[in-house]
Amino acid sequence: MEPYGTFSPKPSNTRQIMSQVNAFETELGFLLGECATINVMLNSLRTAFRGPASATSRSADIQREILIDYDDLSFKVKQLERKFIKLEMEFKATQQQHNWF
């Protein structure tokens, strides 16, 4: 019988595991901030160009600006998705390394 059980790390690994968990928490905090930024950008974009759409107010310049902003937003969402995928892969590797869960 193991004195440390399935979910209890050996004392020598505890510091390393806590360091990794803290790193994951920090990265999740940054990603949450990026999600909030994307949300603010999306809401700003939705409200900035709201209103009566007359022929003069929706000029080609405004349409171009809207498209540029949506492209930027789309790029940020894709970047965020890649970061989440990378973090998930790192977490799974750490899980396997330390036999978590």
PDB file of N, CA and C in Angstrom:
ATOM      1  N   MET A   1       0.842  -1.186   0.000  1.00  0.00           N
ATOM      2  CA  MET A   1       0.000   0.000   0.000  1.00  0.00           C
ATOM      3  C   MET A   1       0.881   1.241   0.000  1.00  0.00           C
ATOM      4  N   GLU A   2       0.554   2.191  -0.889  1.00  0.00           N
ATOM      5  CA  GLU A   2       1.310   3.430  -0.970  1.00  0.00           C
ATOM      6  C   GLU A   2       0.894   4.381   0.147  1.00  0.00           C
ATOM      7  N   PRO A   3       1.845   5.007   0.816  1.00  0.00           N
ATOM      8  CA  PRO A   3       1.483   5.931   1.888  1.00  0.00           C
ATOM      9  C   PRO A   3       0.908   7.244   1.380  1.00  0.00           C
ATOM     10  N   TYR A   4       1.005   7.527   0.076  1.00  0.00           N
ATOM     11  CA  TYR A   4       0.557   8.828  -0.418  1.00  0.00           C
ATOM     12  C   TYR A   4      -0.714   8.769  -1.247  1.00  0.00           C
ATOM     13  N   GLY A   5      -1.261   7.622  -1.524  1.00  0.00           N
ATOM     14  CA  GLY A   5      -2.520   7.526  -2.253  1.00  0.00           C
ATOM     15  C   GLY A   5      -2.422   8.040  -3.682  1.00  0.00           C
ATOM     16  N   THR A   6      -3.515   7.931  -4.407  1.00  0.00           N
ATOM     17  CA  THR A   6      -3.543   8.304  -5.817  1.00  0.00           C
ATOM     18  C   THR A   6      -3.452   9.800  -6.031  1.00  0.00           C
ATOM     19  N   PHE A   7      -4.125  10.577  -5.216  1.00  0.00           N
ATOM     20  CA  PHE A   7      -4.204  12.017  -5.433  1.00  0.00           C
ATOM     21  C   PHE A   7      -3.201  12.807  -4.607  1.00  0.00           C
ATOM     22  N   SER A   8      -2.470  12.168  -3.751  1.00  0.00           N
ATOM     23  CA  SER A   8      -1.502  12.863  -2.912  1.00  0.00           C
ATOM     24  C   SER A   8      -0.099  12.680  -3.482  1.00  0.00           C
ATOM     25  N   PRO A   9       0.524  13.769  -3.889  1.00  0.00           N
ATOM     26  CA  PRO A   9       1.880  13.647  -4.425  1.00  0.00           C
ATOM     27  C   PRO A   9       2.881  13.356  -3.318  1.00  0.00           C
ATOM     28  N   LYS A  10       3.984  12.754  -3.696  1.00  0.00           N
ATOM     29  CA  LYS A  10       5.056  12.544  -2.737  1.00  0.00           C
ATOM     30  C   LYS A  10       5.609  13.918  -2.354  1.00  0.00           C
ATOM     31  N   PRO A  11       6.091  14.073  -1.138  1.00  0.00           N
ATOM     32  CA  PRO A  11       6.561  15.386  -0.692  1.00  0.00           C
ATOM     33  C   PRO A  11       7.606  16.024  -1.605  1.00  0.00           C
ATOM     34  N   SER A  12       8.475  15.225  -2.229  1.00  0.00           N
ATOM     35  CA  SER A  12       9.523  15.797  -3.070  1.00  0.00           C
ATOM     36  C   SER A  12       8.951  16.423  -4.342  1.00  0.00           C
ATOM     37  N   ASN A  13       7.775  15.962  -4.781  1.00  0.00           N
ATOM     38  CA  ASN A  13       7.157  16.492  -5.995  1.00  0.00           C
ATOM     39  C   ASN A  13       6.184  17.634  -5.714  1.00  0.00           C
ATOM     40  N   THR A  14       5.837  17.849  -4.481  1.00  0.00           N
ATOM     41  CA  THR A  14       4.812  18.823  -4.134  1.00  0.00           C
ATOM     42  C   THR A  14       5.165  20.227  -4.610  1.00  0.00           C
ATOM     43  N   ARG A  15       6.402  20.648  -4.395  1.00  0.00           N
ATOM     44  CA  ARG A  15       6.812  22.000  -4.790  1.00  0.00           C
ATOM     45  C   ARG A  15       6.740  22.162  -6.305  1.00  0.00           C
ATOM     46  N   GLN A  16       7.195  21.153  -7.035  1.00  0.00           N
ATOM     47  CA  GLN A  16       7.164  21.209  -8.495  1.00  0.00           C
ATOM     48  C   GLN A  16       5.715  21.230  -9.000  1.00  0.00           C
ATOM     49  N   ILE A  17       4.873  20.416  -8.421  1.00  0.00           N
ATOM     50  CA  ILE A  17       3.467  20.358  -8.828  1.00  0.00           C
ATOM     51  C   ILE A  17       2.776  21.680  -8.535  1.00  0.00           C
ATOM     52  N   MET A  18       3.003  22.247  -7.358  1.00  0.00           N
ATOM     53  CA  MET A  18       2.389  23.531  -7.021  1.00  0.00           C
ATOM     54  C   MET A  18       2.859  24.635  -7.962  1.00  0.00           C
ATOM     55  N   SER A  19       4.125  24.576  -8.345  1.00  0.00           N
ATOM     56  CA  SER A  19       4.648  25.555  -9.297  1.00  0.00           C
ATOM     57  C   SER A  19       3.940  25.433 -10.647  1.00  0.00           C
ATOM     58  N   GLN A  20       3.719  24.207 -11.103  1.00  0.00           N
ATOM     59  CA  GLN A  20       3.026  23.991 -12.370  1.00  0.00           C
ATOM     60  C   GLN A  20       1.565  24.417 -12.286  1.00  0.00           C
ATOM     61  N   VAL A  21       0.921  24.102 -11.186  1.00  0.00           N
ATOM     62  CA  VAL A  21      -0.479  24.506 -11.003  1.00  0.00           C
ATOM     63  C   VAL A  21      -0.587  26.029 -10.983  1.00  0.00           C
ATOM     64  N   ASN A  22       0.329  26.688 -10.294  1.00  0.00           N
ATOM     65  CA  ASN A  22       0.330  28.156 -10.269  1.00  0.00           C
ATOM     66  C   ASN A  22       0.545  28.735 -11.663  1.00  0.00           C
ATOM     67  N   ALA A  23       1.417  28.105 -12.443  1.00  0.00           N
ATOM     68  CA  ALA A  23       1.654  28.571 -13.812  1.00  0.00           C
ATOM     69  C   ALA A  23       0.386  28.415 -14.653  1.00  0.00           C
ATOM     70  N   PHE A  24      -0.326  27.297 -14.479  1.00  0.00           N
ATOM     71  CA  PHE A  24      -1.583  27.094 -15.206  1.00  0.00           C
ATOM     72  C   PHE A  24      -2.624  28.139 -14.792  1.00  0.00           C
ATOM     73  N   GLU A  25      -2.721  28.399 -13.500  1.00  0.00           N
ATOM     74  CA  GLU A  25      -3.670  29.408 -13.016  1.00  0.00           C
ATOM     75  C   GLU A  25      -3.338  30.792 -13.561  1.00  0.00           C
ATOM     76  N   THR A  26      -2.062  31.126 -13.602  1.00  0.00           N
ATOM     77  CA  THR A  26      -1.644  32.425 -14.132  1.00  0.00           C
ATOM     78  C   THR A  26      -2.005  32.542 -15.607  1.00  0.00           C
ATOM     79  N   GLU A  27      -1.705  31.501 -16.375  1.00  0.00           N
ATOM     80  CA  GLU A  27      -2.021  31.532 -17.804  1.00  0.00           C
ATOM     81  C   GLU A  27      -3.534  31.606 -18.027  1.00  0.00           C
ATOM     82  N   LEU A  28      -4.308  30.882 -17.237  1.00  0.00           N
ATOM     83  CA  LEU A  28      -5.769  30.974 -17.350  1.00  0.00           C
ATOM     84  C   LEU A  28      -6.257  32.385 -17.031  1.00  0.00           C
ATOM     85  N   GLY A  29      -5.627  33.032 -16.076  1.00  0.00           N
ATOM     86  CA  GLY A  29      -5.978  34.416 -15.761  1.00  0.00           C
ATOM     87  C   GLY A  29      -5.726  35.341 -16.936  1.00  0.00           C
ATOM     88  N   PHE A  30      -4.583  35.164 -17.607  1.00  0.00           N
ATOM     89  CA  PHE A  30      -4.285  35.968 -18.797  1.00  0.00           C
ATOM     90  C   PHE A  30      -5.304  35.692 -19.901  1.00  0.00           C
ATOM     91  N   LEU A  31      -5.641  34.420 -20.103  1.00  0.00           N
ATOM     92  CA  LEU A  31      -6.603  34.065 -21.144  1.00  0.00           C
ATOM     93  C   LEU A  31      -7.984  34.625 -20.833  1.00  0.00           C
ATOM     94  N   LEU A  32      -8.347  34.647 -19.564  1.00  0.00           N
ATOM     95  CA  LEU A  32      -9.617  35.252 -19.171  1.00  0.00           C
ATOM     96  C   LEU A  32      -9.618  36.745 -19.497  1.00  0.00           C
ATOM     97  N   GLY A  33      -8.490  37.398 -19.257  1.00  0.00           N
ATOM     98  CA  GLY A  33      -8.359  38.808 -19.606  1.00  0.00           C
ATOM     99  C   GLY A  33      -8.486  39.026 -21.101  1.00  0.00           C
ATOM    100  N   GLU A  34      -7.904  38.135 -21.887  1.00  0.00           N
ATOM    101  CA  GLU A  34      -8.018  38.238 -23.344  1.00  0.00           C
ATOM    102  C   GLU A  34      -9.460  38.028 -23.792  1.00  0.00           C
ATOM    103  N   CYS A  35     -10.164  37.101 -23.139  1.00  0.00           N
ATOM    104  CA  CYS A  35     -11.597  36.897 -23.447  1.00  0.00           C
ATOM    105  C   CYS A  35     -12.384  38.173 -23.159  1.00  0.00           C
ATOM    106  N   ALA A  36     -12.101  38.791 -22.042  1.00  0.00           N
ATOM    107  CA  ALA A  36     -12.801  40.032 -21.685  1.00  0.00           C
ATOM    108  C   ALA A  36     -12.500  41.133 -22.698  1.00  0.00           C
ATOM    109  N   THR A  37     -11.250  41.215 -23.143  1.00  0.00           N
ATOM    110  CA  THR A  37     -10.876  42.216 -24.140  1.00  0.00           C
ATOM    111  C   THR A  37     -11.628  41.995 -25.440  1.00  0.00           C
ATOM    112  N   ILE A  38     -11.707  40.745 -25.875  1.00  0.00           N
ATOM    113  CA  ILE A  38     -12.436  40.410 -27.099  1.00  0.00           C
ATOM    114  C   ILE A  38     -13.905  40.771 -26.952  1.00  0.00           C
ATOM    115  N   ASN A  39     -14.470  40.486 -25.797  1.00  0.00           N
ATOM    116  CA  ASN A  39     -15.873  40.805 -25.553  1.00  0.00           C
ATOM    117  C   ASN A  39     -16.124  42.312 -25.622  1.00  0.00           C
ATOM    118  N   VAL A  40     -15.231  43.083 -25.023  1.00  0.00           N
ATOM    119  CA  VAL A  40     -15.365  44.543 -25.065  1.00  0.00           C
ATOM    120  C   VAL A  40     -15.250  45.048 -26.495  1.00  0.00           C
ATOM    121  N   MET A  41     -14.286  44.511 -27.232  1.00  0.00           N
ATOM    122  CA  MET A  41     -14.110  44.923 -28.630  1.00  0.00           C
ATOM    123  C   MET A  41     -15.356  44.609 -29.461  1.00  0.00           C
ATOM    124  N   LEU A  42     -15.910  43.422 -29.258  1.00  0.00           N
ATOM    125  CA  LEU A  42     -17.099  43.021 -30.007  1.00  0.00           C
ATOM    126  C   LEU A  42     -18.277  43.917 -29.669  1.00  0.00           C
ATOM    127  N   ASN A  43     -18.500  44.163 -28.389  1.00  0.00           N
ATOM    128  CA  ASN A  43     -19.604  45.038 -27.991  1.00  0.00           C
ATOM    129  C   ASN A  43     -19.406  46.465 -28.495  1.00  0.00           C
ATOM    130  N   SER A  44     -18.166  46.944 -28.479  1.00  0.00           N
ATOM    131  CA  SER A  44     -17.887  48.283 -28.993  1.00  0.00           C
ATOM    132  C   SER A  44     -18.165  48.355 -30.483  1.00  0.00           C
ATOM    133  N   LEU A  45     -17.765  47.332 -31.187  1.00  0.00           N
ATOM    134  CA  LEU A  45     -17.986  47.305 -32.629  1.00  0.00           C
ATOM    135  C   LEU A  45     -19.470  47.254 -32.961  1.00  0.00           C
ATOM    136  N   ARG A  46     -20.204  46.486 -32.180  1.00  0.00           N
ATOM    137  CA  ARG A  46     -21.656  46.392 -32.399  1.00  0.00           C
ATOM    138  C   ARG A  46     -22.347  47.731 -32.179  1.00  0.00           C
ATOM    139  N   THR A  47     -21.926  48.451 -31.155  1.00  0.00           N
ATOM    140  CA  THR A  47     -22.614  49.705 -30.830  1.00  0.00           C
ATOM    141  C   THR A  47     -22.068  50.906 -31.602  1.00  0.00           C
ATOM    142  N   ALA A  48     -20.822  50.846 -32.036  1.00  0.00           N
ATOM    143  CA  ALA A  48     -20.219  51.995 -32.707  1.00  0.00           C
ATOM    144  C   ALA A  48     -20.891  52.318 -34.029  1.00  0.00           C
ATOM    145  N   PHE A  49     -21.334  51.315 -34.725  1.00  0.00           N
ATOM    146  CA  PHE A  49     -21.907  51.536 -36.046  1.00  0.00           C
ATOM    147  C   PHE A  49     -23.409  51.295 -36.078  1.00  0.00           C
ATOM    148  N   ARG A  50     -24.023  51.320 -34.898  1.00  0.00           N
ATOM    149  CA  ARG A  50     -25.468  51.156 -34.807  1.00  0.00           C
ATOM    150  C   ARG A  50     -26.146  52.487 -35.082  1.00  0.00           C
ATOM    151  N   GLY A  51     -27.313  52.417 -35.587  1.00  0.00           N
ATOM    152  CA  GLY A  51     -28.057  53.642 -35.850  1.00  0.00           C
ATOM    153  C   GLY A  51     -28.628  53.608 -37.249  1.00  0.00           C
ATOM    154  N   PRO A  52     -29.277  54.702 -37.634  1.00  0.00           N
ATOM    155  CA  PRO A  52     -29.869  54.721 -38.972  1.00  0.00           C
ATOM    156  C   PRO A  52     -28.795  54.601 -40.045  1.00  0.00           C
ATOM    157  N   ALA A  53     -29.028  53.733 -40.965  1.00  0.00           N
ATOM    158  CA  ALA A  53     -28.045  53.467 -42.013  1.00  0.00           C
ATOM    159  C   ALA A  53     -28.476  54.134 -43.309  1.00  0.00           C
ATOM    160  N   SER A  54     -28.215  55.395 -43.393  1.00  0.00           N
ATOM    161  CA  SER A  54     -28.530  56.100 -44.634  1.00  0.00           C
ATOM    162  C   SER A  54     -27.396  55.864 -45.629  1.00  0.00           C
ATOM    163  N   ALA A  55     -27.648  56.193 -46.857  1.00  0.00           N
ATOM    164  CA  ALA A  55     -26.654  55.969 -47.909  1.00  0.00           C
ATOM    165  C   ALA A  55     -25.384  56.770 -47.652  1.00  0.00           C
ATOM    166  N   THR A  56     -25.517  57.961 -47.102  1.00  0.00           N
ATOM    167  CA  THR A  56     -24.333  58.787 -46.866  1.00  0.00           C
ATOM    168  C   THR A  56     -23.559  58.354 -45.634  1.00  0.00           C
ATOM    169  N   SER A  57     -24.260  57.837 -44.618  1.00  0.00           N
ATOM    170  CA  SER A  57     -23.563  57.461 -43.392  1.00  0.00           C
ATOM    171  C   SER A  57     -22.838  56.122 -43.527  1.00  0.00           C
ATOM    172  N   ARG A  58     -23.270  55.289 -44.430  1.00  0.00           N
ATOM    173  CA  ARG A  58     -22.618  53.989 -44.628  1.00  0.00           C
ATOM    174  C   ARG A  58     -21.748  54.016 -45.882  1.00  0.00           C
ATOM    175  N   SER A  59     -20.833  54.911 -45.887  1.00  0.00           N
ATOM    176  CA  SER A  59     -19.950  55.048 -47.034  1.00  0.00           C
ATOM    177  C   SER A  59     -19.000  53.859 -47.121  1.00  0.00           C
ATOM    178  N   ALA A  60     -18.287  53.811 -48.201  1.00  0.00           N
ATOM    179  CA  ALA A  60     -17.315  52.733 -48.406  1.00  0.00           C
ATOM    180  C   ALA A  60     -16.233  52.751 -47.326  1.00  0.00           C
ATOM    181  N   ASP A  61     -15.856  53.928 -46.854  1.00  0.00           N
ATOM    182  CA  ASP A  61     -14.835  54.022 -45.810  1.00  0.00           C
ATOM    183  C   ASP A  61     -15.302  53.386 -44.508  1.00  0.00           C
ATOM    184  N   ILE A  62     -16.546  53.635 -44.160  1.00  0.00           N
ATOM    185  CA  ILE A  62     -17.092  53.056 -42.932  1.00  0.00           C
ATOM    186  C   ILE A  62     -17.205  51.541 -43.069  1.00  0.00           C
ATOM    187  N   GLN A  63     -17.671  51.073 -44.212  1.00  0.00           N
ATOM    188  CA  GLN A  63     -17.769  49.632 -44.445  1.00  0.00           C
ATOM    189  C   GLN A  63     -16.386  48.978 -44.361  1.00  0.00           C
ATOM    190  N   ARG A  64     -15.393  49.622 -44.929  1.00  0.00           N
ATOM    191  CA  ARG A  64     -14.022  49.103 -44.879  1.00  0.00           C
ATOM    192  C   ARG A  64     -13.528  49.036 -43.437  1.00  0.00           C
ATOM    193  N   GLU A  65     -13.814  50.074 -42.662  1.00  0.00           N
ATOM    194  CA  GLU A  65     -13.410  50.106 -41.246  1.00  0.00           C
ATOM    195  C   GLU A  65     -14.076  48.968 -40.460  1.00  0.00           C
ATOM    196  N   ILE A  66     -15.340  48.741 -40.720  1.00  0.00           N
ATOM    197  CA  ILE A  66     -16.056  47.648 -40.054  1.00  0.00           C
ATOM    198  C   ILE A  66     -15.415  46.308 -40.392  1.00  0.00           C
ATOM    199  N   LEU A  67     -15.113  46.094 -41.654  1.00  0.00           N
ATOM    200  CA  LEU A  67     -14.489  44.832 -42.075  1.00  0.00           C
ATOM    201  C   LEU A  67     -13.109  44.648 -41.449  1.00  0.00           C
ATOM    202  N   ILE A  68     -12.335  45.705 -41.387  1.00  0.00           N
ATOM    203  CA  ILE A  68     -11.011  45.635 -40.760  1.00  0.00           C
ATOM    204  C   ILE A  68     -11.147  45.267 -39.283  1.00  0.00           C
ATOM    205  N   ASP A  69     -12.091  45.909 -38.605  1.00  0.00           N
ATOM    206  CA  ASP A  69     -12.299  45.624 -37.178  1.00  0.00           C
ATOM    207  C   ASP A  69     -12.748  44.188 -36.949  1.00  0.00           C
ATOM    208  N   TYR A  70     -13.657  43.698 -37.775  1.00  0.00           N
ATOM    209  CA  TYR A  70     -14.094  42.307 -37.632  1.00  0.00           C
ATOM    210  C   TYR A  70     -12.966  41.334 -37.961  1.00  0.00           C
ATOM    211  N   ASP A  71     -12.131  41.651 -38.937  1.00  0.00           N
ATOM    212  CA  ASP A  71     -10.975  40.797 -39.238  1.00  0.00           C
ATOM    213  C   ASP A  71     -10.024  40.745 -38.050  1.00  0.00           C
ATOM    214  N   ASP A  72      -9.774  41.888 -37.437  1.00  0.00           N
ATOM    215  CA  ASP A  72      -8.912  41.951 -36.260  1.00  0.00           C
ATOM    216  C   ASP A  72      -9.495  41.125 -35.119  1.00  0.00           C
ATOM    217  N   LEU A  73     -10.788  41.262 -34.923  1.00  0.00           N
ATOM    218  CA  LEU A  73     -11.466  40.505 -33.874  1.00  0.00           C
ATOM    219  C   LEU A  73     -11.387  39.000 -34.144  1.00  0.00           C
ATOM    220  N   SER A  74     -11.602  38.611 -35.381  1.00  0.00           N
ATOM    221  CA  SER A  74     -11.516  37.205 -35.764  1.00  0.00           C
ATOM    222  C   SER A  74     -10.109  36.657 -35.517  1.00  0.00           C
ATOM    223  N   PHE A  75      -9.102  37.444 -35.842  1.00  0.00           N
ATOM    224  CA  PHE A  75      -7.716  37.041 -35.607  1.00  0.00           C
ATOM    225  C   PHE A  75      -7.459  36.829 -34.118  1.00  0.00           C
ATOM    226  N   LYS A  76      -7.946  37.738 -33.293  1.00  0.00           N
ATOM    227  CA  LYS A  76      -7.759  37.623 -31.840  1.00  0.00           C
ATOM    228  C   LYS A  76      -8.447  36.375 -31.285  1.00  0.00           C
ATOM    229  N   VAL A  77      -9.630  36.050 -31.804  1.00  0.00           N
ATOM    230  CA  VAL A  77     -10.345  34.857 -31.353  1.00  0.00           C
ATOM    231  C   VAL A  77      -9.560  33.600 -31.738  1.00  0.00           C
ATOM    232  N   LYS A  78      -9.020  33.568 -32.950  1.00  0.00           N
ATOM    233  CA  LYS A  78      -8.227  32.404 -33.384  1.00  0.00           C
ATOM    234  C   LYS A  78      -6.963  32.255 -32.548  1.00  0.00           C
ATOM    235  N   GLN A  79      -6.310  33.370 -32.253  1.00  0.00           N
ATOM    236  CA  GLN A  79      -5.132  33.330 -31.385  1.00  0.00           C
ATOM    237  C   GLN A  79      -5.490  32.769 -30.014  1.00  0.00           C
ATOM    238  N   LEU A  80      -6.602  33.229 -29.469  1.00  0.00           N
ATOM    239  CA  LEU A  80      -7.041  32.768 -28.156  1.00  0.00           C
ATOM    240  C   LEU A  80      -7.333  31.272 -28.178  1.00  0.00           C
ATOM    241  N   GLU A  81      -7.973  30.815 -29.233  1.00  0.00           N
ATOM    242  CA  GLU A  81      -8.263  29.384 -29.357  1.00  0.00           C
ATOM    243  C   GLU A  81      -6.969  28.570 -29.372  1.00  0.00           C
ATOM    244  N   ARG A  82      -5.972  29.034 -30.118  1.00  0.00           N
ATOM    245  CA  ARG A  82      -4.683  28.327 -30.172  1.00  0.00           C
ATOM    246  C   ARG A  82      -4.023  28.280 -28.800  1.00  0.00           C
ATOM    247  N   LYS A  83      -4.128  29.376 -28.065  1.00  0.00           N
ATOM    248  CA  LYS A  83      -3.536  29.418 -26.723  1.00  0.00           C
ATOM    249  C   LYS A  83      -4.240  28.447 -25.782  1.00  0.00           C
ATOM    250  N   PHE A  84      -5.572  28.361 -25.902  1.00  0.00           N
ATOM    251  CA  PHE A  84      -6.308  27.397 -25.071  1.00  0.00           C
ATOM    252  C   PHE A  84      -5.915  25.965 -25.416  1.00  0.00           C
ATOM    253  N   ILE A  85      -5.785  25.682 -26.694  1.00  0.00           N
ATOM    254  CA  ILE A  85      -5.402  24.334 -27.125  1.00  0.00           C
ATOM    255  C   ILE A  85      -4.006  23.996 -26.605  1.00  0.00           C
ATOM    256  N   LYS A  86      -3.074  24.940 -26.721  1.00  0.00           N
ATOM    257  CA  LYS A  86      -1.711  24.717 -26.234  1.00  0.00           C
ATOM    258  C   LYS A  86      -1.709  24.478 -24.729  1.00  0.00           C
ATOM    259  N   LEU A  87      -2.468  25.284 -23.993  1.00  0.00           N
ATOM    260  CA  LEU A  87      -2.534  25.122 -22.541  1.00  0.00           C
ATOM    261  C   LEU A  87      -3.141  23.775 -22.173  1.00  0.00           C
ATOM    262  N   GLU A  88      -4.165  23.366 -22.900  1.00  0.00           N
ATOM    263  CA  GLU A  88      -4.788  22.068 -22.638  1.00  0.00           C
ATOM    264  C   GLU A  88      -3.790  20.933 -22.877  1.00  0.00           C
ATOM    265  N   MET A  89      -3.012  21.026 -23.938  1.00  0.00           N
ATOM    266  CA  MET A  89      -2.008  19.999 -24.217  1.00  0.00           C
ATOM    267  C   MET A  89      -0.946  19.955 -23.125  1.00  0.00           C
ATOM    268  N   GLU A  90      -0.507  21.115 -22.664  1.00  0.00           N
ATOM    269  CA  GLU A  90       0.474  21.173 -21.579  1.00  0.00           C
ATOM    270  C   GLU A  90      -0.104  20.584 -20.297  1.00  0.00           C
ATOM    271  N   PHE A  91      -1.370  20.878 -20.033  1.00  0.00           N
ATOM    272  CA  PHE A  91      -2.009  20.350 -18.825  1.00  0.00           C
ATOM    273  C   PHE A  91      -2.114  18.828 -18.897  1.00  0.00           C
ATOM    274  N   LYS A  92      -2.519  18.311 -20.053  1.00  0.00           N
ATOM    275  CA  LYS A  92      -2.631  16.845 -20.210  1.00  0.00           C
ATOM    276  C   LYS A  92      -1.269  16.175 -20.056  1.00  0.00           C
ATOM    277  N   ALA A  93      -0.229  16.792 -20.600  1.00  0.00           N
ATOM    278  CA  ALA A  93       1.119  16.234 -20.462  1.00  0.00           C
ATOM    279  C   ALA A  93       1.532  16.211 -18.989  1.00  0.00           C
ATOM    280  N   THR A  94       1.215  17.278 -18.275  1.00  0.00           N
ATOM    281  CA  THR A  94       1.543  17.340 -16.850  1.00  0.00           C
ATOM    282  C   THR A  94       0.735  16.309 -16.070  1.00  0.00           C
ATOM    283  N   GLN A  95      -0.535  16.137 -16.459  1.00  0.00           N
ATOM    284  CA  GLN A  95      -1.368  15.116 -15.817  1.00  0.00           C
ATOM    285  C   GLN A  95      -0.737  13.745 -15.963  1.00  0.00           C
ATOM    286  N   GLN A  96      -0.326  13.417 -17.166  1.00  0.00           N
ATOM    287  CA  GLN A  96       0.261  12.099 -17.413  1.00  0.00           C
ATOM    288  C   GLN A  96       1.597  11.950 -16.685  1.00  0.00           C
ATOM    289  N   GLN A  97       2.377  13.015 -16.670  1.00  0.00           N
ATOM    290  CA  GLN A  97       3.679  12.979 -16.014  1.00  0.00           C
ATOM    291  C   GLN A  97       3.540  12.697 -14.519  1.00  0.00           C
ATOM    292  N   HIS A  98       2.520  13.268 -13.900  1.00  0.00           N
ATOM    293  CA  HIS A  98       2.359  13.121 -12.451  1.00  0.00           C
ATOM    294  C   HIS A  98       1.235  12.167 -12.064  1.00  0.00           C
ATOM    295  N   ASN A  99       0.662  11.495 -13.061  1.00  0.00           N
ATOM    296  CA  ASN A  99      -0.427  10.543 -12.824  1.00  0.00           C
ATOM    297  C   ASN A  99      -1.595  11.160 -12.066  1.00  0.00           C
ATOM    298  N   TRP A 100      -2.008  12.362 -12.516  1.00  0.00           N
ATOM    299  CA  TRP A 100      -3.169  13.016 -11.912  1.00  0.00           C
ATOM    300  C   TRP A 100      -4.414  12.414 -12.503  1.00  0.00           C
ATOM    301  N   PHE A 101      -5.462  12.377 -11.742  1.00  0.00           N
ATOM    302  CA  PHE A 101      -6.805  11.992 -12.161  1.00  0.00           C
ATOM    303  C   PHE A 101      -6.778  10.669 -12.838  1.00  0.00           C
TER     304      PHE A 101
END
